[in-house]
């Protein structure tokens, strides 16, 4: 709550960034902002989920922003890559650099309800890549040290990049949201002839391999995003003394079973193995948590109509819960795959 008060009182964008950096430093002291080295997927998830739950319970937008930082790192650490491969070697270098230097990671590759980000212009530049283009919605954009994204090369191959955020070739836009959602620090990031150096990108040699990487990352996102919203829903029910229901308890039990199954599938992933079943489980889990969030939002809006003194706070809390159905992969897109 001190962070919310401090950042709300910021008189300039620089003060805003400094307040957010201080809060991330406070979170780092008490919780894990990086996957524990050498942990299996189950333990990696539990570590990241604890951080997400504790933060999201009191500030959902910041919790969502931390999901955007944590999920690609969890996926990167736990992806079943051959230890002696080039990809495995580059992964170790990148993870060591991020954890040793305590870097803040942003993710520029998210799919949106209104479509994917515009195409990036990516070209080979000596032993590096030169990138031009804009990612419209990036959480923690103003404080990130590294942004992770994927882009398509001229020959059709996919490059997975970890680009530094320093220099005149990086431009950060204004906040995308107002109200409480501004605490996610979601902004656009534009690269103009920005160079990604050798060792900071990996080129997938085949389309199925790239698709597998995308799907594996999305599974981690759905798992951790669900933890953020479930924690906030539970906190709001306590704070506003909202009644429970048999349907809600049944849904929570279903989500718990899906989570347990998904973690078992994560632990069983093998190099070059399919993640289709895991993707279906985590997408279904995302839908179930989203349904709980929408129900909670409606309950809060109904309560706002009856309690004038608290109406503004209730509507703000309801609005935050409503965002989950739009977050990648949007509920509509998931449902279309089921029809």
C-alpha atoms as a PDB file:
ATOM      1  CA  UNK A   1       0.000   0.000   0.000  1.00  0.00           C
ATOM      2  CA  UNK A   2       2.954   2.301   0.577  1.00  0.00           C
ATOM      3  CA  UNK A   3       4.030   1.680  -3.013  1.00  0.00           C
ATOM      4  CA  UNK A   4       0.564   2.579  -4.314  1.00  0.00           C
ATOM      5  CA  UNK A   5       0.574   5.814  -2.339  1.00  0.00           C
ATOM      6  CA  UNK A   6       4.128   6.674  -3.403  1.00  0.00           C
ATOM      7  CA  UNK A   7       3.647   6.033  -7.094  1.00  0.00           C
ATOM      8  CA  UNK A   8       0.263   7.791  -7.134  1.00  0.00           C
ATOM      9  CA  UNK A   9       1.927  10.900  -5.728  1.00  0.00           C
ATOM     10  CA  UNK A  10       4.753  10.890  -8.320  1.00  0.00           C
ATOM     11  CA  UNK A  11       4.944  14.312  -9.957  1.00  0.00           C
ATOM     12  CA  UNK A  12       6.972  13.262 -12.997  1.00  0.00           C
ATOM     13  CA  UNK A  13       7.691  10.227 -15.110  1.00  0.00           C
ATOM     14  CA  UNK A  14      11.160   9.994 -13.584  1.00  0.00           C
ATOM     15  CA  UNK A  15       9.716   9.958 -10.058  1.00  0.00           C
ATOM     16  CA  UNK A  16       7.295   7.263 -11.217  1.00  0.00           C
ATOM     17  CA  UNK A  17      10.144   5.081 -12.461  1.00  0.00           C
ATOM     18  CA  UNK A  18      12.185   5.582  -9.310  1.00  0.00           C
ATOM     19  CA  UNK A  19       9.205   4.600  -7.137  1.00  0.00           C
ATOM     20  CA  UNK A  20       8.652   1.463  -9.209  1.00  0.00           C
ATOM     21  CA  UNK A  21      12.336   0.525  -9.038  1.00  0.00           C
ATOM     22  CA  UNK A  22      12.302   0.914  -5.248  1.00  0.00           C
ATOM     23  CA  UNK A  23       9.264  -1.337  -5.002  1.00  0.00           C
ATOM     24  CA  UNK A  24      10.915  -4.002  -7.141  1.00  0.00           C
ATOM     25  CA  UNK A  25      13.949  -3.820  -4.856  1.00  0.00           C
ATOM     26  CA  UNK A  26      11.659  -4.349  -1.847  1.00  0.00           C
ATOM     27  CA  UNK A  27       9.968  -7.315  -3.504  1.00  0.00           C
ATOM     28  CA  UNK A  28      13.371  -8.779  -4.402  1.00  0.00           C
ATOM     29  CA  UNK A  29      14.406  -8.749  -0.730  1.00  0.00           C
ATOM     30  CA  UNK A  30      11.380 -10.787   0.399  1.00  0.00           C
ATOM     31  CA  UNK A  31      10.497 -12.955  -2.597  1.00  0.00           C
ATOM     32  CA  UNK A  32      12.070 -14.692  -5.565  1.00  0.00           C
ATOM     33  CA  UNK A  33      12.287 -12.566  -8.709  1.00  0.00           C
ATOM     34  CA  UNK A  34      14.313 -15.241 -10.500  1.00  0.00           C
ATOM     35  CA  UNK A  35      13.819 -19.010 -10.855  1.00  0.00           C
ATOM     36  CA  UNK A  36      15.856 -21.028  -8.334  1.00  0.00           C
ATOM     37  CA  UNK A  37      18.909 -22.452 -10.090  1.00  0.00           C
ATOM     38  CA  UNK A  38      18.645 -26.131 -10.947  1.00  0.00           C
ATOM     39  CA  UNK A  39      15.061 -26.521  -9.751  1.00  0.00           C
ATOM     40  CA  UNK A  40      12.613 -28.792 -11.568  1.00  0.00           C
ATOM     41  CA  UNK A  41       9.537 -27.217 -13.242  1.00  0.00           C
ATOM     42  CA  UNK A  42       7.260 -27.947 -10.262  1.00  0.00           C
ATOM     43  CA  UNK A  43       9.543 -26.231  -7.746  1.00  0.00           C
ATOM     44  CA  UNK A  44      10.264 -23.415 -10.194  1.00  0.00           C
ATOM     45  CA  UNK A  45       6.544 -22.782 -10.502  1.00  0.00           C
ATOM     46  CA  UNK A  46       5.974 -22.822  -6.740  1.00  0.00           C
ATOM     47  CA  UNK A  47       8.746 -20.269  -6.208  1.00  0.00           C
ATOM     48  CA  UNK A  48       7.434 -17.887  -8.870  1.00  0.00           C
ATOM     49  CA  UNK A  49       3.806 -18.425  -7.867  1.00  0.00           C
ATOM     50  CA  UNK A  50       4.537 -17.438  -4.261  1.00  0.00           C
ATOM     51  CA  UNK A  51       5.942 -14.102  -5.429  1.00  0.00           C
ATOM     52  CA  UNK A  52       3.031 -13.496  -7.779  1.00  0.00           C
ATOM     53  CA  UNK A  53       0.397 -14.394  -5.198  1.00  0.00           C
ATOM     54  CA  UNK A  54       1.842 -12.197  -2.460  1.00  0.00           C
ATOM     55  CA  UNK A  55       2.112  -9.126  -4.690  1.00  0.00           C
ATOM     56  CA  UNK A  56      -1.098  -9.600  -6.693  1.00  0.00           C
ATOM     57  CA  UNK A  57      -3.225 -10.028  -3.573  1.00  0.00           C
ATOM     58  CA  UNK A  58      -2.702  -6.346  -2.750  1.00  0.00           C
ATOM     59  CA  UNK A  59      -1.886  -4.879  -6.182  1.00  0.00           C
ATOM     60  CA  UNK A  60      -3.101  -6.992  -9.096  1.00  0.00           C
ATOM     61  CA  UNK A  61      -1.568  -4.796 -11.855  1.00  0.00           C
ATOM     62  CA  UNK A  62       1.905  -5.054 -10.319  1.00  0.00           C
ATOM     63  CA  UNK A  63       1.365  -8.774  -9.832  1.00  0.00           C
ATOM     64  CA  UNK A  64       0.523  -9.118 -13.535  1.00  0.00           C
ATOM     65  CA  UNK A  65       3.652  -7.142 -14.419  1.00  0.00           C
ATOM     66  CA  UNK A  66       5.732  -9.568 -12.349  1.00  0.00           C
ATOM     67  CA  UNK A  67       4.103 -12.463 -14.195  1.00  0.00           C
ATOM     68  CA  UNK A  68       5.402 -10.882 -17.414  1.00  0.00           C
ATOM     69  CA  UNK A  69       8.888 -10.801 -15.886  1.00  0.00           C
ATOM     70  CA  UNK A  70       8.811 -14.276 -14.366  1.00  0.00           C
ATOM     71  CA  UNK A  71       7.070 -16.503 -16.874  1.00  0.00           C
ATOM     72  CA  UNK A  72       9.615 -16.225 -19.709  1.00  0.00           C
ATOM     73  CA  UNK A  73      12.427 -16.826 -17.217  1.00  0.00           C
ATOM     74  CA  UNK A  74      10.666 -19.915 -15.854  1.00  0.00           C
ATOM     75  CA  UNK A  75      10.059 -21.186 -19.375  1.00  0.00           C
ATOM     76  CA  UNK A  76      13.639 -20.437 -20.369  1.00  0.00           C
ATOM     77  CA  UNK A  77      15.104 -22.278 -17.399  1.00  0.00           C
ATOM     78  CA  UNK A  78      12.798 -25.303 -17.609  1.00  0.00           C
ATOM     79  CA  UNK A  79      12.544 -25.774 -21.373  1.00  0.00           C
ATOM     80  CA  UNK A  80      13.749 -29.322 -22.117  1.00  0.00           C
ATOM     81  CA  UNK A  81      16.792 -28.417 -24.200  1.00  0.00           C
ATOM     82  CA  UNK A  82      19.726 -30.796 -24.655  1.00  0.00           C
ATOM     83  CA  UNK A  83      22.389 -29.714 -22.161  1.00  0.00           C
ATOM     84  CA  UNK A  84      25.217 -29.844 -24.690  1.00  0.00           C
ATOM     85  CA  UNK A  85      23.378 -27.992 -27.459  1.00  0.00           C
ATOM     86  CA  UNK A  86      24.077 -24.447 -28.648  1.00  0.00           C
ATOM     87  CA  UNK A  87      20.615 -23.472 -27.403  1.00  0.00           C
ATOM     88  CA  UNK A  88      21.369 -24.945 -23.977  1.00  0.00           C
ATOM     89  CA  UNK A  89      24.695 -23.102 -23.812  1.00  0.00           C
ATOM     90  CA  UNK A  90      23.130 -19.744 -24.760  1.00  0.00           C
ATOM     91  CA  UNK A  91      20.375 -20.301 -22.223  1.00  0.00           C
ATOM     92  CA  UNK A  92      22.890 -20.756 -19.409  1.00  0.00           C
ATOM     93  CA  UNK A  93      24.738 -17.594 -20.382  1.00  0.00           C
ATOM     94  CA  UNK A  94      21.534 -15.535 -20.528  1.00  0.00           C
ATOM     95  CA  UNK A  95      20.075 -16.876 -17.275  1.00  0.00           C
ATOM     96  CA  UNK A  96      23.376 -16.313 -15.463  1.00  0.00           C
ATOM     97  CA  UNK A  97      23.585 -12.731 -16.738  1.00  0.00           C
ATOM     98  CA  UNK A  98      20.004 -11.946 -15.695  1.00  0.00           C
ATOM     99  CA  UNK A  99      20.196 -13.488 -12.230  1.00  0.00           C
ATOM    100  CA  UNK A 100      23.746 -12.378 -11.359  1.00  0.00           C
ATOM    101  CA  UNK A 101      23.068  -8.782 -12.392  1.00  0.00           C
ATOM    102  CA  UNK A 102      19.497  -8.808 -11.002  1.00  0.00           C
ATOM    103  CA  UNK A 103      18.065  -7.532 -14.279  1.00  0.00           C
ATOM    104  CA  UNK A 104      14.390  -6.673 -14.792  1.00  0.00           C
ATOM    105  CA  UNK A 105      12.963  -8.488 -17.796  1.00  0.00           C
ATOM    106  CA  UNK A 106      10.126  -7.287 -20.038  1.00  0.00           C
ATOM    107  CA  UNK A 107       8.360  -9.359 -22.661  1.00  0.00           C
ATOM    108  CA  UNK A 108       7.545  -7.862 -26.043  1.00  0.00           C
ATOM    109  CA  UNK A 109       6.072 -10.878 -27.790  1.00  0.00           C
ATOM    110  CA  UNK A 110       2.560 -11.128 -26.366  1.00  0.00           C
ATOM    111  CA  UNK A 111      -0.418 -11.859 -28.545  1.00  0.00           C
ATOM    112  CA  UNK A 112      -3.341  -9.487 -27.964  1.00  0.00           C
ATOM    113  CA  UNK A 113      -7.088  -9.802 -28.212  1.00  0.00           C
ATOM    114  CA  UNK A 114      -7.045  -7.461 -31.188  1.00  0.00           C
ATOM    115  CA  UNK A 115      -4.274  -9.367 -32.957  1.00  0.00           C
ATOM    116  CA  UNK A 116      -0.547  -9.827 -32.771  1.00  0.00           C
ATOM    117  CA  UNK A 117       1.918  -6.982 -32.680  1.00  0.00           C
ATOM    118  CA  UNK A 118       2.921  -5.453 -35.980  1.00  0.00           C
ATOM    119  CA  UNK A 119       5.675  -7.229 -37.881  1.00  0.00           C
ATOM    120  CA  UNK A 120       9.206  -6.388 -36.849  1.00  0.00           C
ATOM    121  CA  UNK A 121      11.916  -5.588 -39.365  1.00  0.00           C
ATOM    122  CA  UNK A 122      14.807  -7.869 -38.486  1.00  0.00           C
ATOM    123  CA  UNK A 123      17.974  -8.275 -40.525  1.00  0.00           C
ATOM    124  CA  UNK A 124      21.320  -9.928 -40.020  1.00  0.00           C
ATOM    125  CA  UNK A 125      24.000  -7.368 -39.142  1.00  0.00           C
ATOM    126  CA  UNK A 126      27.414  -8.988 -39.106  1.00  0.00           C
ATOM    127  CA  UNK A 127      27.307 -11.437 -36.222  1.00  0.00           C
ATOM    128  CA  UNK A 128      24.244  -9.701 -34.718  1.00  0.00           C
ATOM    129  CA  UNK A 129      20.746  -8.611 -35.642  1.00  0.00           C
ATOM    130  CA  UNK A 130      19.351  -5.167 -36.420  1.00  0.00           C
ATOM    131  CA  UNK A 131      15.753  -4.656 -35.289  1.00  0.00           C
ATOM    132  CA  UNK A 132      13.176  -1.960 -36.102  1.00  0.00           C
ATOM    133  CA  UNK A 133       9.563  -1.940 -34.968  1.00  0.00           C
ATOM    134  CA  UNK A 134       7.183  -1.372 -32.068  1.00  0.00           C
ATOM    135  CA  UNK A 135       5.712  -3.563 -29.356  1.00  0.00           C
ATOM    136  CA  UNK A 136       2.582  -1.738 -28.238  1.00  0.00           C
ATOM    137  CA  UNK A 137       1.932  -3.336 -24.838  1.00  0.00           C
ATOM    138  CA  UNK A 138       4.922  -4.164 -22.642  1.00  0.00           C
ATOM    139  CA  UNK A 139       4.663  -4.378 -18.847  1.00  0.00           C
ATOM    140  CA  UNK A 140       7.518  -2.937 -16.754  1.00  0.00           C
ATOM    141  CA  UNK A 141       8.618  -1.146 -19.901  1.00  0.00           C
ATOM    142  CA  UNK A 142      10.083   1.933 -18.232  1.00  0.00           C
ATOM    143  CA  UNK A 143      12.250  -0.002 -15.742  1.00  0.00           C
ATOM    144  CA  UNK A 144      13.238  -3.077 -17.776  1.00  0.00           C
ATOM    145  CA  UNK A 145      16.876  -3.845 -18.464  1.00  0.00           C
ATOM    146  CA  UNK A 146      16.177  -6.503 -21.087  1.00  0.00           C
ATOM    147  CA  UNK A 147      13.204  -7.168 -23.367  1.00  0.00           C
ATOM    148  CA  UNK A 148      12.584 -10.673 -24.693  1.00  0.00           C
ATOM    149  CA  UNK A 149      10.815 -11.073 -28.034  1.00  0.00           C
ATOM    150  CA  UNK A 150      10.667 -13.147 -31.190  1.00  0.00           C
ATOM    151  CA  UNK A 151      10.804 -11.948 -34.786  1.00  0.00           C
ATOM    152  CA  UNK A 152      10.835 -13.466 -38.260  1.00  0.00           C
ATOM    153  CA  UNK A 153      13.921 -13.210 -40.448  1.00  0.00           C
ATOM    154  CA  UNK A 154      13.781 -12.688 -44.204  1.00  0.00           C
ATOM    155  CA  UNK A 155      14.294 -16.417 -44.826  1.00  0.00           C
ATOM    156  CA  UNK A 156      11.290 -17.280 -42.661  1.00  0.00           C
ATOM    157  CA  UNK A 157      13.220 -18.520 -39.653  1.00  0.00           C
ATOM    158  CA  UNK A 158      12.295 -17.268 -36.168  1.00  0.00           C
ATOM    159  CA  UNK A 159      14.791 -15.406 -34.002  1.00  0.00           C
ATOM    160  CA  UNK A 160      14.321 -15.349 -30.225  1.00  0.00           C
ATOM    161  CA  UNK A 161      16.024 -12.235 -28.871  1.00  0.00           C
ATOM    162  CA  UNK A 162      17.109 -10.736 -25.558  1.00  0.00           C
ATOM    163  CA  UNK A 163      17.682  -7.074 -26.350  1.00  0.00           C
ATOM    164  CA  UNK A 164      19.227  -4.549 -23.994  1.00  0.00           C
ATOM    165  CA  UNK A 165      17.132  -1.468 -23.264  1.00  0.00           C
ATOM    166  CA  UNK A 166      19.840   1.168 -23.274  1.00  0.00           C
ATOM    167  CA  UNK A 167      20.715   3.624 -26.036  1.00  0.00           C
ATOM    168  CA  UNK A 168      19.085   6.094 -28.394  1.00  0.00           C
ATOM    169  CA  UNK A 169      17.746   3.242 -30.544  1.00  0.00           C
ATOM    170  CA  UNK A 170      15.200   2.381 -27.818  1.00  0.00           C
ATOM    171  CA  UNK A 171      12.152   4.600 -27.301  1.00  0.00           C
ATOM    172  CA  UNK A 172       9.609   4.089 -24.534  1.00  0.00           C
ATOM    173  CA  UNK A 173       6.076   5.452 -24.879  1.00  0.00           C
ATOM    174  CA  UNK A 174       3.591   6.917 -22.434  1.00  0.00           C
ATOM    175  CA  UNK A 175       1.576   4.682 -20.060  1.00  0.00           C
ATOM    176  CA  UNK A 176      -1.172   2.754 -21.840  1.00  0.00           C
ATOM    177  CA  UNK A 177      -3.557   2.639 -18.893  1.00  0.00           C
ATOM    178  CA  UNK A 178      -4.980   5.056 -16.369  1.00  0.00           C
ATOM    179  CA  UNK A 179      -6.370   4.307 -12.934  1.00  0.00           C
ATOM    180  CA  UNK A 180      -5.002   1.388 -10.971  1.00  0.00           C
ATOM    181  CA  UNK A 181      -3.900  -0.527 -14.085  1.00  0.00           C
ATOM    182  CA  UNK A 182      -1.137   2.036 -14.586  1.00  0.00           C
ATOM    183  CA  UNK A 183       0.778   0.210 -11.836  1.00  0.00           C
ATOM    184  CA  UNK A 184       1.659  -2.478 -14.390  1.00  0.00           C
ATOM    185  CA  UNK A 185       3.843   0.134 -16.152  1.00  0.00           C
ATOM    186  CA  UNK A 186       2.511  -0.986 -19.536  1.00  0.00           C
ATOM    187  CA  UNK A 187       3.900   1.110 -22.396  1.00  0.00           C
ATOM    188  CA  UNK A 188       5.057   0.769 -25.965  1.00  0.00           C
ATOM    189  CA  UNK A 189       8.667   0.007 -26.813  1.00  0.00           C
ATOM    190  CA  UNK A 190      10.036   1.052 -30.197  1.00  0.00           C
ATOM    191  CA  UNK A 191      13.324  -0.108 -31.651  1.00  0.00           C
ATOM    192  CA  UNK A 192      14.958   1.941 -34.416  1.00  0.00           C
ATOM    193  CA  UNK A 193      17.914   0.075 -35.959  1.00  0.00           C
ATOM    194  CA  UNK A 194      18.524  -1.467 -32.563  1.00  0.00           C
ATOM    195  CA  UNK A 195      21.339  -4.011 -32.516  1.00  0.00           C
ATOM    196  CA  UNK A 196      20.997  -7.370 -30.786  1.00  0.00           C
ATOM    197  CA  UNK A 197      24.513  -8.667 -30.294  1.00  0.00           C
ATOM    198  CA  UNK A 198      25.838 -12.138 -30.900  1.00  0.00           C
ATOM    199  CA  UNK A 199      24.960 -14.457 -28.045  1.00  0.00           C
ATOM    200  CA  UNK A 200      21.770 -12.515 -27.299  1.00  0.00           C
ATOM    201  CA  UNK A 201      19.598 -14.280 -29.852  1.00  0.00           C
ATOM    202  CA  UNK A 202      18.827 -17.790 -30.996  1.00  0.00           C
ATOM    203  CA  UNK A 203      17.497 -18.714 -34.426  1.00  0.00           C
ATOM    204  CA  UNK A 204      15.058 -21.635 -34.565  1.00  0.00           C
ATOM    205  CA  UNK A 205      15.928 -23.883 -37.473  1.00  0.00           C
ATOM    206  CA  UNK A 206      12.403 -25.127 -38.170  1.00  0.00           C
ATOM    207  CA  UNK A 207       8.830 -23.849 -37.823  1.00  0.00           C
ATOM    208  CA  UNK A 208       7.583 -26.712 -35.586  1.00  0.00           C
ATOM    209  CA  UNK A 209      10.431 -26.035 -33.181  1.00  0.00           C
ATOM    210  CA  UNK A 210       9.545 -22.347 -32.987  1.00  0.00           C
ATOM    211  CA  UNK A 211       5.867 -23.193 -32.470  1.00  0.00           C
ATOM    212  CA  UNK A 212       6.805 -25.532 -29.627  1.00  0.00           C
ATOM    213  CA  UNK A 213       8.763 -22.725 -27.930  1.00  0.00           C
ATOM    214  CA  UNK A 214       5.803 -20.336 -28.272  1.00  0.00           C
ATOM    215  CA  UNK A 215       3.383 -22.889 -26.833  1.00  0.00           C
ATOM    216  CA  UNK A 216       5.665 -23.829 -23.945  1.00  0.00           C
ATOM    217  CA  UNK A 217       6.076 -20.193 -22.930  1.00  0.00           C
ATOM    218  CA  UNK A 218       2.313 -19.607 -23.126  1.00  0.00           C
ATOM    219  CA  UNK A 219       1.712 -22.538 -20.776  1.00  0.00           C
ATOM    220  CA  UNK A 220       3.870 -20.882 -18.126  1.00  0.00           C
ATOM    221  CA  UNK A 221       2.075 -17.590 -18.654  1.00  0.00           C
ATOM    222  CA  UNK A 222      -1.370 -19.132 -18.172  1.00  0.00           C
ATOM    223  CA  UNK A 223      -0.242 -20.912 -15.016  1.00  0.00           C
ATOM    224  CA  UNK A 224       1.227 -17.836 -13.346  1.00  0.00           C
ATOM    225  CA  UNK A 225      -1.471 -15.452 -14.579  1.00  0.00           C
ATOM    226  CA  UNK A 226      -4.061 -17.708 -12.972  1.00  0.00           C
ATOM    227  CA  UNK A 227      -2.199 -17.511  -9.653  1.00  0.00           C
ATOM    228  CA  UNK A 228      -2.238 -13.702  -9.775  1.00  0.00           C
ATOM    229  CA  UNK A 229      -5.982 -13.476 -10.346  1.00  0.00           C
ATOM    230  CA  UNK A 230      -6.925 -16.222  -7.876  1.00  0.00           C
ATOM    231  CA  UNK A 231      -4.911 -14.500  -5.166  1.00  0.00           C
ATOM    232  CA  UNK A 232      -6.542 -11.141  -5.868  1.00  0.00           C
ATOM    233  CA  UNK A 233     -10.033 -12.664  -5.964  1.00  0.00           C
ATOM    234  CA  UNK A 234      -9.459 -14.311  -2.577  1.00  0.00           C
ATOM    235  CA  UNK A 235      -8.174 -11.038  -1.098  1.00  0.00           C
ATOM    236  CA  UNK A 236     -11.139  -9.065  -2.448  1.00  0.00           C
ATOM    237  CA  UNK A 237     -13.590 -11.561  -1.008  1.00  0.00           C
ATOM    238  CA  UNK A 238     -11.986 -11.131   2.390  1.00  0.00           C
ATOM    239  CA  UNK A 239     -11.741  -7.346   2.147  1.00  0.00           C
ATOM    240  CA  UNK A 240     -15.315  -6.799   0.951  1.00  0.00           C
ATOM    241  CA  UNK A 241     -16.738  -9.765   2.890  1.00  0.00           C
ATOM    242  CA  UNK A 242     -18.246 -11.264  -0.250  1.00  0.00           C
ATOM    243  CA  UNK A 243     -20.301 -14.448   0.123  1.00  0.00           C
ATOM    244  CA  UNK A 244     -19.045 -17.679  -1.390  1.00  0.00           C
ATOM    245  CA  UNK A 245     -21.043 -20.250  -3.328  1.00  0.00           C
ATOM    246  CA  UNK A 246     -21.027 -23.953  -4.085  1.00  0.00           C
ATOM    247  CA  UNK A 247     -20.337 -23.176  -7.768  1.00  0.00           C
ATOM    248  CA  UNK A 248     -17.304 -21.094  -6.831  1.00  0.00           C
ATOM    249  CA  UNK A 249     -15.858 -23.840  -4.633  1.00  0.00           C
ATOM    250  CA  UNK A 250     -16.388 -26.382  -7.387  1.00  0.00           C
ATOM    251  CA  UNK A 251     -14.601 -24.128  -9.871  1.00  0.00           C
ATOM    252  CA  UNK A 252     -11.684 -23.596  -7.484  1.00  0.00           C
ATOM    253  CA  UNK A 253     -11.370 -27.350  -7.009  1.00  0.00           C
ATOM    254  CA  UNK A 254     -11.348 -27.858 -10.783  1.00  0.00           C
ATOM    255  CA  UNK A 255      -8.607 -25.254 -11.155  1.00  0.00           C
ATOM    256  CA  UNK A 256      -6.545 -26.947  -8.432  1.00  0.00           C
ATOM    257  CA  UNK A 257      -6.843 -30.282 -10.255  1.00  0.00           C
ATOM    258  CA  UNK A 258      -5.871 -28.700 -13.573  1.00  0.00           C
ATOM    259  CA  UNK A 259      -2.871 -27.023 -11.951  1.00  0.00           C
ATOM    260  CA  UNK A 260      -1.690 -30.300 -10.419  1.00  0.00           C
ATOM    261  CA  UNK A 261      -2.012 -32.092 -13.773  1.00  0.00           C
ATOM    262  CA  UNK A 262      -0.250 -29.277 -15.648  1.00  0.00           C
ATOM    263  CA  UNK A 263       2.703 -29.348 -13.243  1.00  0.00           C
ATOM    264  CA  UNK A 264       3.003 -33.105 -13.702  1.00  0.00           C
ATOM    265  CA  UNK A 265       3.064 -32.615 -17.464  1.00  0.00           C
ATOM    266  CA  UNK A 266       5.702 -29.902 -17.101  1.00  0.00           C
ATOM    267  CA  UNK A 267       7.925 -32.238 -15.102  1.00  0.00           C
ATOM    268  CA  UNK A 268       7.486 -34.927 -17.761  1.00  0.00           C
ATOM    269  CA  UNK A 269       8.404 -32.738 -20.765  1.00  0.00           C
ATOM    270  CA  UNK A 270      11.232 -34.151 -22.851  1.00  0.00           C
ATOM    271  CA  UNK A 271      13.440 -32.665 -25.598  1.00  0.00           C
ATOM    272  CA  UNK A 272      11.513 -32.442 -28.867  1.00  0.00           C
ATOM    273  CA  UNK A 273       8.395 -33.660 -27.085  1.00  0.00           C
ATOM    274  CA  UNK A 274       4.917 -32.337 -27.845  1.00  0.00           C
ATOM    275  CA  UNK A 275       3.365 -29.738 -25.560  1.00  0.00           C
ATOM    276  CA  UNK A 276      -0.126 -30.002 -27.081  1.00  0.00           C
ATOM    277  CA  UNK A 277      -1.660 -31.705 -24.058  1.00  0.00           C
ATOM    278  CA  UNK A 278      -0.004 -29.261 -21.669  1.00  0.00           C
ATOM    279  CA  UNK A 279      -1.265 -26.342 -23.776  1.00  0.00           C
ATOM    280  CA  UNK A 280      -4.833 -27.633 -23.662  1.00  0.00           C
ATOM    281  CA  UNK A 281      -4.719 -28.056 -19.889  1.00  0.00           C
ATOM    282  CA  UNK A 282      -3.293 -24.598 -19.143  1.00  0.00           C
ATOM    283  CA  UNK A 283      -5.643 -22.924 -21.657  1.00  0.00           C
ATOM    284  CA  UNK A 284      -8.604 -24.608 -19.964  1.00  0.00           C
ATOM    285  CA  UNK A 285      -7.273 -23.455 -16.614  1.00  0.00           C
ATOM    286  CA  UNK A 286      -7.027 -19.907 -17.951  1.00  0.00           C
ATOM    287  CA  UNK A 287     -10.688 -20.052 -19.020  1.00  0.00           C
ATOM    288  CA  UNK A 288     -11.842 -21.326 -15.625  1.00  0.00           C
ATOM    289  CA  UNK A 289      -9.928 -18.647 -13.694  1.00  0.00           C
ATOM    290  CA  UNK A 290     -11.173 -15.993 -16.108  1.00  0.00           C
ATOM    291  CA  UNK A 291     -14.760 -17.099 -15.488  1.00  0.00           C
ATOM    292  CA  UNK A 292     -14.149 -16.700 -11.745  1.00  0.00           C
ATOM    293  CA  UNK A 293     -12.681 -13.242 -12.356  1.00  0.00           C
ATOM    294  CA  UNK A 294     -15.674 -12.160 -14.450  1.00  0.00           C
ATOM    295  CA  UNK A 295     -18.073 -13.432 -11.799  1.00  0.00           C
ATOM    296  CA  UNK A 296     -16.128 -11.556  -9.131  1.00  0.00           C
ATOM    297  CA  UNK A 297     -16.201  -8.409 -11.248  1.00  0.00           C
ATOM    298  CA  UNK A 298     -19.986  -8.608 -11.597  1.00  0.00           C
ATOM    299  CA  UNK A 299     -20.395  -9.137  -7.858  1.00  0.00           C
ATOM    300  CA  UNK A 300     -18.279  -6.073  -7.087  1.00  0.00           C
ATOM    301  CA  UNK A 301     -20.192  -3.921  -9.584  1.00  0.00           C
ATOM    302  CA  UNK A 302     -23.500  -4.997  -8.020  1.00  0.00           C
ATOM    303  CA  UNK A 303     -22.127  -4.093  -4.593  1.00  0.00           C
ATOM    304  CA  UNK A 304     -20.936  -0.710  -5.883  1.00  0.00           C
ATOM    305  CA  UNK A 305     -24.520   0.134  -6.864  1.00  0.00           C
ATOM    306  CA  UNK A 306     -25.613  -0.419  -3.266  1.00  0.00           C
ATOM    307  CA  UNK A 307     -22.708   1.152  -1.338  1.00  0.00           C
ATOM    308  CA  UNK A 308     -22.188   4.707  -2.494  1.00  0.00           C
ATOM    309  CA  UNK A 309     -19.322   5.505  -0.121  1.00  0.00           C
ATOM    310  CA  UNK A 310     -17.195   2.641  -1.478  1.00  0.00           C
ATOM    311  CA  UNK A 311     -18.461   2.714  -5.056  1.00  0.00           C
ATOM    312  CA  UNK A 312     -15.281   4.088  -6.638  1.00  0.00           C
ATOM    313  CA  UNK A 313     -13.019   1.501  -4.981  1.00  0.00           C
ATOM    314  CA  UNK A 314     -15.412  -1.314  -5.836  1.00  0.00           C
ATOM    315  CA  UNK A 315     -15.613  -0.290  -9.470  1.00  0.00           C
ATOM    316  CA  UNK A 316     -11.821  -0.038  -9.682  1.00  0.00           C
ATOM    317  CA  UNK A 317     -11.407  -3.541  -8.238  1.00  0.00           C
ATOM    318  CA  UNK A 318     -14.069  -4.855 -10.612  1.00  0.00           C
ATOM    319  CA  UNK A 319     -12.368  -3.267 -13.609  1.00  0.00           C
ATOM    320  CA  UNK A 320      -9.029  -4.920 -12.782  1.00  0.00           C
ATOM    321  CA  UNK A 321     -10.618  -8.373 -12.704  1.00  0.00           C
ATOM    322  CA  UNK A 322     -12.247  -7.747 -16.062  1.00  0.00           C
ATOM    323  CA  UNK A 323      -8.929  -7.617 -17.914  1.00  0.00           C
ATOM    324  CA  UNK A 324      -8.200 -11.317 -17.682  1.00  0.00           C
ATOM    325  CA  UNK A 325     -10.556 -12.331 -20.488  1.00  0.00           C
ATOM    326  CA  UNK A 326      -8.540 -10.112 -22.881  1.00  0.00           C
ATOM    327  CA  UNK A 327      -5.089 -11.239 -21.839  1.00  0.00           C
ATOM    328  CA  UNK A 328      -3.200 -13.716 -24.022  1.00  0.00           C
ATOM    329  CA  UNK A 329      -4.548 -16.026 -25.170  1.00  0.00           C
ATOM    330  CA  UNK A 330      -7.891 -14.197 -25.017  1.00  0.00           C
ATOM    331  CA  UNK A 331     -10.900 -16.202 -23.867  1.00  0.00           C
ATOM    332  CA  UNK A 332     -12.554 -15.809 -27.276  1.00  0.00           C
ATOM    333  CA  UNK A 333      -9.555 -17.317 -29.052  1.00  0.00           C
ATOM    334  CA  UNK A 334      -9.350 -20.253 -26.672  1.00  0.00           C
ATOM    335  CA  UNK A 335     -13.052 -20.939 -27.051  1.00  0.00           C
ATOM    336  CA  UNK A 336     -12.777 -20.915 -30.846  1.00  0.00           C
ATOM    337  CA  UNK A 337     -10.235 -23.718 -30.648  1.00  0.00           C
ATOM    338  CA  UNK A 338     -12.741 -25.796 -28.670  1.00  0.00           C
ATOM    339  CA  UNK A 339     -15.574 -25.481 -31.185  1.00  0.00           C
END
